[in-house]
Amino acid sequence: MSDPIGAHEELNKRWLREIHAGVSPPGPLKACGEWLFDLRESGRLAEAAWDGFLKARKLGTYRMERLVRTGEFVEGSSPLEQ
């Protein structure tokens, strides 16, 4: 994750860290060739992607559209539910 430029991005960054789906660079971005492959080989990038898939809610735009259209809001216990 890069440095946030606004309050909304600060919140997004904190949320991604809470669900372990955000990866902060372990070194300067201009030296990413030195550490990017280490992150990949260690499995940290795959782990972050998997955590994001499992823990982040899906289909938010469709849920908002349904809420506006029908007034119905349904929140399931599984991130895979629509």
Protein backbone atom coordinates (compact mmCIF):
# COMPACT_ATOMS: atom_id res chain seq x y z
CA MET A 1 0.00 0.00 0.00
CA SER A 2 1.22 3.47 -0.75
CA ASP A 3 0.85 6.45 1.51
CA PRO A 4 -2.76 7.65 1.77
CA ILE A 5 -3.54 11.14 0.48
CA GLY A 6 -6.83 11.71 2.28
CA ALA A 7 -8.96 10.75 5.26
CA HIS A 8 -10.91 8.14 3.30
CA GLU A 9 -7.70 6.43 2.22
CA GLU A 10 -6.43 6.48 5.81
CA LEU A 11 -9.54 4.53 6.82
CA ASN A 12 -9.19 2.13 3.90
CA LYS A 13 -5.54 1.48 4.79
CA ARG A 14 -6.41 0.79 8.43
CA TRP A 15 -9.25 -1.54 7.40
CA LEU A 16 -7.00 -3.47 4.99
CA ARG A 17 -4.45 -3.94 7.75
CA GLU A 18 -7.14 -5.11 10.17
CA ILE A 19 -8.22 -7.87 7.80
CA HIS A 20 -4.57 -8.62 6.87
CA ALA A 21 -5.22 -7.86 3.21
CA GLY A 22 -2.91 -4.86 2.97
CA VAL A 23 0.82 -5.15 2.49
CA SER A 24 3.02 -2.17 3.22
CA PRO A 25 6.27 -2.00 1.29
CA PRO A 26 9.20 -3.15 3.42
CA GLY A 27 11.50 -0.65 1.73
CA PRO A 28 11.49 2.39 -0.52
CA LEU A 29 9.28 2.10 -3.59
CA LYS A 30 12.11 3.01 -5.92
CA ALA A 31 13.91 -0.13 -4.68
CA CYS A 32 10.92 -2.47 -5.13
CA GLY A 33 13.01 -4.73 -7.36
CA GLU A 34 14.99 -5.66 -4.26
CA TRP A 35 12.05 -6.69 -2.04
CA LEU A 36 9.03 -7.39 -4.25
CA PHE A 37 10.13 -10.89 -5.20
CA ASP A 38 10.91 -11.68 -1.55
CA LEU A 39 7.31 -10.81 -0.65
CA ARG A 40 6.08 -13.02 -3.45
CA GLU A 41 8.34 -15.95 -2.59
CA SER A 42 7.44 -15.77 1.10
CA GLY A 43 3.76 -16.13 0.20
CA ARG A 44 2.81 -12.83 1.85
CA LEU A 45 1.18 -11.43 -1.30
CA ALA A 46 -0.86 -14.60 -1.81
CA GLU A 47 -1.85 -14.56 1.86
CA ALA A 48 -2.99 -10.94 1.59
CA ALA A 49 -5.02 -11.72 -1.53
CA TRP A 50 -6.65 -14.71 0.15
CA ASP A 51 -7.45 -12.71 3.30
CA GLY A 52 -8.98 -9.97 1.17
CA PHE A 53 -11.08 -12.52 -0.71
CA LEU A 54 -12.34 -14.19 2.46
CA LYS A 55 -12.76 -11.21 4.75
CA ALA A 56 -13.76 -8.30 2.50
CA ARG A 57 -17.40 -7.99 1.58
CA LYS A 58 -18.28 -8.61 -2.04
CA LEU A 59 -20.74 -7.11 -4.49
CA GLY A 60 -21.17 -3.85 -2.58
CA THR A 61 -22.40 -1.95 -5.62
CA TYR A 62 -25.13 -4.52 -6.25
CA ARG A 63 -26.16 -4.47 -2.59
CA MET A 64 -26.45 -0.68 -2.63
CA GLU A 65 -28.47 -0.80 -5.85
CA ARG A 66 -30.85 -3.34 -4.28
CA LEU A 67 -31.17 -1.18 -1.17
CA VAL A 68 -32.05 1.90 -3.23
CA ARG A 69 -34.41 -0.01 -5.55
CA THR A 70 -36.26 -2.13 -2.98
CA GLY A 71 -35.34 -0.77 0.44
CA GLU A 72 -34.10 -4.27 1.32
CA PHE A 73 -30.76 -4.71 3.04
CA VAL A 74 -29.58 -8.23 3.73
CA GLU A 75 -26.24 -8.89 5.37
CA GLY A 76 -25.11 -12.49 5.32
CA SER A 77 -22.53 -14.14 7.50
CA SER A 78 -20.45 -15.34 4.55
CA PRO A 79 -18.50 -12.95 2.31
CA LEU A 80 -19.40 -15.26 -0.58
CA GLU A 81 -23.15 -14.61 -0.26
CA GLN A 82 -24.82 -12.15 -2.57
